[in-house]
C-alpha atoms as a PDB file:
ATOM      1  CA  UNK A   1     170.013 -70.875-137.736  1.00  0.00           C
ATOM      2  CA  UNK A   2     171.989 -72.781-135.067  1.00  0.00           C
ATOM      3  CA  UNK A   3     169.850 -74.921-132.782  1.00  0.00           C
ATOM      4  CA  UNK A   4     171.287 -76.472-129.624  1.00  0.00           C
ATOM      5  CA  UNK A   5     169.334 -79.386-128.168  1.00  0.00           C
ATOM      6  CA  UNK A   6     169.869 -79.794-124.448  1.00  0.00           C
ATOM      7  CA  UNK A   7     168.125 -82.355-122.294  1.00  0.00           C
ATOM      8  CA  UNK A   8     168.496 -83.666-118.762  1.00  0.00           C
ATOM      9  CA  UNK A   9     166.640 -86.589-117.264  1.00  0.00           C
ATOM     10  CA  UNK A  10     166.631 -88.267-113.887  1.00  0.00           C
ATOM     11  CA  UNK A  11     165.476 -91.857-113.623  1.00  0.00           C
ATOM     12  CA  UNK A  12     165.079 -93.364-110.159  1.00  0.00           C
ATOM     13  CA  UNK A  13     165.167 -97.144-110.001  1.00  0.00           C
ATOM     14  CA  UNK A  14     165.163 -99.692-107.204  1.00  0.00           C
ATOM     15  CA  UNK A  15     168.305-101.777-107.632  1.00  0.00           C
ATOM     16  CA  UNK A  16     168.056-104.219-104.719  1.00  0.00           C
ATOM     17  CA  UNK A  17     168.618-103.031-101.894  1.00  0.00           C
ATOM     18  CA  UNK A  18     169.262 -99.401-102.934  1.00  0.00           C
ATOM     19  CA  UNK A  19     167.378 -96.708-104.766  1.00  0.00           C
ATOM     20  CA  UNK A  20     169.602 -95.362-107.528  1.00  0.00           C
ATOM     21  CA  UNK A  21     169.274 -92.129-109.456  1.00  0.00           C
ATOM     22  CA  UNK A  22     170.577 -92.112-113.018  1.00  0.00           C
ATOM     23  CA  UNK A  23     171.165 -88.674-114.531  1.00  0.00           C
ATOM     24  CA  UNK A  24     171.370 -88.503-118.312  1.00  0.00           C
ATOM     25  CA  UNK A  25     172.484 -85.236-119.907  1.00  0.00           C
ATOM     26  CA  UNK A  26     172.626 -84.541-123.634  1.00  0.00           C
ATOM     27  CA  UNK A  27     174.141 -81.303-124.875  1.00  0.00           C
ATOM     28  CA  UNK A  28     174.365 -81.107-128.637  1.00  0.00           C
ATOM     29  CA  UNK A  29     176.203 -84.286-129.675  1.00  0.00           C
ATOM     30  CA  UNK A  30     177.616 -85.046-126.214  1.00  0.00           C
ATOM     31  CA  UNK A  31     175.872 -87.673-124.076  1.00  0.00           C
ATOM     32  CA  UNK A  32     176.841 -87.876-120.403  1.00  0.00           C
ATOM     33  CA  UNK A  33     175.603 -90.110-117.620  1.00  0.00           C
ATOM     34  CA  UNK A  34     175.941 -90.245-113.840  1.00  0.00           C
ATOM     35  CA  UNK A  35     174.786 -92.731-111.221  1.00  0.00           C
ATOM     36  CA  UNK A  36     173.996 -91.715-107.639  1.00  0.00           C
ATOM     37  CA  UNK A  37     173.057 -93.934-104.712  1.00  0.00           C
ATOM     38  CA  UNK A  38     169.980 -92.496-102.955  1.00  0.00           C
ATOM     39  CA  UNK A  39     169.838 -94.944-100.029  1.00  0.00           C
ATOM     40  CA  UNK A  40     167.718 -97.900 -99.004  1.00  0.00           C
ATOM     41  CA  UNK A  41     164.472 -96.045 -98.303  1.00  0.00           C
ATOM     42  CA  UNK A  42     162.318 -94.553-101.027  1.00  0.00           C
ATOM     43  CA  UNK A  43     163.663 -91.060-101.796  1.00  0.00           C
ATOM     44  CA  UNK A  44     161.423 -88.148-100.810  1.00  0.00           C
ATOM     45  CA  UNK A  45     160.879 -85.135-103.022  1.00  0.00           C
ATOM     46  CA  UNK A  46     162.836 -83.000-100.569  1.00  0.00           C
ATOM     47  CA  UNK A  47     165.896 -85.292-100.943  1.00  0.00           C
ATOM     48  CA  UNK A  48     165.752 -85.012-104.727  1.00  0.00           C
ATOM     49  CA  UNK A  49     165.255 -81.242-104.524  1.00  0.00           C
ATOM     50  CA  UNK A  50     168.245 -80.944-102.175  1.00  0.00           C
ATOM     51  CA  UNK A  51     170.346 -83.042-104.544  1.00  0.00           C
ATOM     52  CA  UNK A  52     169.461 -80.855-107.513  1.00  0.00           C
ATOM     53  CA  UNK A  53     169.755 -77.465-105.830  1.00  0.00           C
ATOM     54  CA  UNK A  54     172.443 -77.778-103.170  1.00  0.00           C
ATOM     55  CA  UNK A  55     174.616 -80.707-104.247  1.00  0.00           C
ATOM     56  CA  UNK A  56     174.485 -80.409-108.037  1.00  0.00           C
ATOM     57  CA  UNK A  57     178.186 -79.491-108.214  1.00  0.00           C
ATOM     58  CA  UNK A  58     179.082 -82.883-106.638  1.00  0.00           C
ATOM     59  CA  UNK A  59     177.439 -84.868-109.456  1.00  0.00           C
ATOM     60  CA  UNK A  60     180.177 -86.242-111.715  1.00  0.00           C
ATOM     61  CA  UNK A  61     179.118 -86.899-115.273  1.00  0.00           C
ATOM     62  CA  UNK A  62     180.934 -89.354-117.520  1.00  0.00           C
ATOM     63  CA  UNK A  63     180.907 -88.964-121.295  1.00  0.00           C
ATOM     64  CA  UNK A  64     179.618 -91.993-123.174  1.00  0.00           C
ATOM     65  CA  UNK A  65     179.978 -92.616-126.899  1.00  0.00           C
ATOM     66  CA  UNK A  66     176.642 -93.373-128.529  1.00  0.00           C
ATOM     67  CA  UNK A  67     175.392 -93.730-132.075  1.00  0.00           C
ATOM     68  CA  UNK A  68     174.170 -90.550-133.755  1.00  0.00           C
ATOM     69  CA  UNK A  69     170.936 -92.165-134.936  1.00  0.00           C
ATOM     70  CA  UNK A  70     168.863 -90.989-131.967  1.00  0.00           C
ATOM     71  CA  UNK A  71     165.588 -89.320-132.701  1.00  0.00           C
ATOM     72  CA  UNK A  72     165.023 -85.693-131.799  1.00  0.00           C
ATOM     73  CA  UNK A  73     163.131 -85.685-128.512  1.00  0.00           C
ATOM     74  CA  UNK A  74     159.848 -83.891-128.239  1.00  0.00           C
ATOM     75  CA  UNK A  75     157.675 -83.301-125.184  1.00  0.00           C
ATOM     76  CA  UNK A  76     156.563 -86.642-123.774  1.00  0.00           C
ATOM     77  CA  UNK A  77     153.609 -87.210-121.492  1.00  0.00           C
ATOM     78  CA  UNK A  78     154.404 -88.415-117.948  1.00  0.00           C
ATOM     79  CA  UNK A  79     152.685 -91.796-118.485  1.00  0.00           C
ATOM     80  CA  UNK A  80     154.702 -92.456-121.640  1.00  0.00           C
ATOM     81  CA  UNK A  81     157.847 -91.359-119.819  1.00  0.00           C
ATOM     82  CA  UNK A  82     157.126 -93.948-117.109  1.00  0.00           C
ATOM     83  CA  UNK A  83     156.642 -96.647-119.721  1.00  0.00           C
ATOM     84  CA  UNK A  84     159.880 -95.671-121.475  1.00  0.00           C
ATOM     85  CA  UNK A  85     161.771 -95.676-118.159  1.00  0.00           C
ATOM     86  CA  UNK A  86     160.433 -99.156-117.348  1.00  0.00           C
ATOM     87  CA  UNK A  87     161.379-100.375-120.832  1.00  0.00           C
ATOM     88  CA  UNK A  88     164.875 -98.854-120.535  1.00  0.00           C
ATOM     89  CA  UNK A  89     165.266-100.568-117.177  1.00  0.00           C
ATOM     90  CA  UNK A  90     164.329-103.929-118.702  1.00  0.00           C
ATOM     91  CA  UNK A  91     166.760-103.407-121.572  1.00  0.00           C
ATOM     92  CA  UNK A  92     169.413-102.026-119.243  1.00  0.00           C
ATOM     93  CA  UNK A  93     170.335 -99.152-121.557  1.00  0.00           C
ATOM     94  CA  UNK A  94     171.055 -96.640-118.824  1.00  0.00           C
ATOM     95  CA  UNK A  95     172.886 -99.074-116.589  1.00  0.00           C
ATOM     96  CA  UNK A  96     175.056-100.265-119.487  1.00  0.00           C
ATOM     97  CA  UNK A  97     176.083 -96.696-120.231  1.00  0.00           C
ATOM     98  CA  UNK A  98     176.847 -96.113-116.561  1.00  0.00           C
ATOM     99  CA  UNK A  99     178.869 -99.337-116.370  1.00  0.00           C
ATOM    100  CA  UNK A 100     180.931 -98.369-119.436  1.00  0.00           C
ATOM    101  CA  UNK A 101     181.614 -94.968-117.939  1.00  0.00           C
ATOM    102  CA  UNK A 102     182.559 -96.510-114.592  1.00  0.00           C
ATOM    103  CA  UNK A 103     185.027 -98.944-116.159  1.00  0.00           C
ATOM    104  CA  UNK A 104     186.633 -96.120-118.145  1.00  0.00           C
ATOM    105  CA  UNK A 105     186.867 -94.022-114.985  1.00  0.00           C
ATOM    106  CA  UNK A 106     188.293 -96.979-113.054  1.00  0.00           C
ATOM    107  CA  UNK A 107     191.049 -97.516-115.648  1.00  0.00           C
ATOM    108  CA  UNK A 108     191.908 -93.816-115.609  1.00  0.00           C
ATOM    109  CA  UNK A 109     192.020 -93.793-111.815  1.00  0.00           C
ATOM    110  CA  UNK A 110     194.232 -96.902-111.770  1.00  0.00           C
ATOM    111  CA  UNK A 111     196.657 -95.312-114.228  1.00  0.00           C
ATOM    112  CA  UNK A 112     196.783 -92.085-112.197  1.00  0.00           C
ATOM    113  CA  UNK A 113     197.331 -94.041-108.977  1.00  0.00           C
ATOM    114  CA  UNK A 114     200.200 -96.068-110.457  1.00  0.00           C
ATOM    115  CA  UNK A 115     201.893 -92.890-111.688  1.00  0.00           C
ATOM    116  CA  UNK A 116     201.473 -91.330-108.246  1.00  0.00           C
ATOM    117  CA  UNK A 117     202.931 -94.419-106.543  1.00  0.00           C
ATOM    118  CA  UNK A 118     205.883 -94.343-108.929  1.00  0.00           C
ATOM    119  CA  UNK A 119     206.519 -90.675-108.056  1.00  0.00           C
ATOM    120  CA  UNK A 120     206.376 -91.469-104.345  1.00  0.00           C
ATOM    121  CA  UNK A 121     208.881 -94.324-104.759  1.00  0.00           C
ATOM    122  CA  UNK A 122     211.202 -92.047-106.705  1.00  0.00           C
ATOM    123  CA  UNK A 123     210.973 -89.329-104.027  1.00  0.00           C
ATOM    124  CA  UNK A 124     211.748 -91.879-101.291  1.00  0.00           C
ATOM    125  CA  UNK A 125     214.741 -93.157-103.254  1.00  0.00           C
ATOM    126  CA  UNK A 126     216.103 -89.636-103.769  1.00  0.00           C
ATOM    127  CA  UNK A 127     215.593 -88.854-100.085  1.00  0.00           C
ATOM    128  CA  UNK A 128     217.470 -91.991 -99.036  1.00  0.00           C
ATOM    129  CA  UNK A 129     220.320 -91.148-101.429  1.00  0.00           C
ATOM    130  CA  UNK A 130     220.481 -87.626 -99.984  1.00  0.00           C
ATOM    131  CA  UNK A 131     220.562 -88.957 -96.418  1.00  0.00           C
ATOM    132  CA  UNK A 132     223.270 -91.446 -97.386  1.00  0.00           C
ATOM    133  CA  UNK A 133     225.455 -88.724 -98.892  1.00  0.00           C
ATOM    134  CA  UNK A 134     224.952 -86.451 -95.851  1.00  0.00           C
ATOM    135  CA  UNK A 135     225.840 -89.316 -93.539  1.00  0.00           C
ATOM    136  CA  UNK A 136     229.263 -89.798 -95.181  1.00  0.00           C
ATOM    137  CA  UNK A 137     230.011 -86.115 -95.736  1.00  0.00           C
ATOM    138  CA  UNK A 138     231.940 -85.390 -92.525  1.00  0.00           C
ATOM    139  CA  UNK A 139     234.137 -88.524 -92.450  1.00  0.00           C
END
């Protein structure tokens, strides 16, 4: 029988001077991560609820390649979850994944921007050539 393991976690950390929310989503073999700035004051439950319910479609997840030797997650008590979050923060596992995703996204954005700039230059050149030919047409 086919079993699909889905999990979503939100870890809120204080990364001087901002509170940062790190979403981690695992669907089957795909691991995705997203980092959201929550502001300088401690986030209220209503802010987190609003983020999840009303602004969920604005959260951009980045796919991260990870090793397939992760254990299957079972229900974890809240205290243990806090300890694991603190340990992950010390090790920097989540932030490393976010940083890798950000650098990949930055390279992709840079490539897209250079292609767009090249297209704009080409359009300007063609426009100037057209104007030049129209200028000399009647003489």
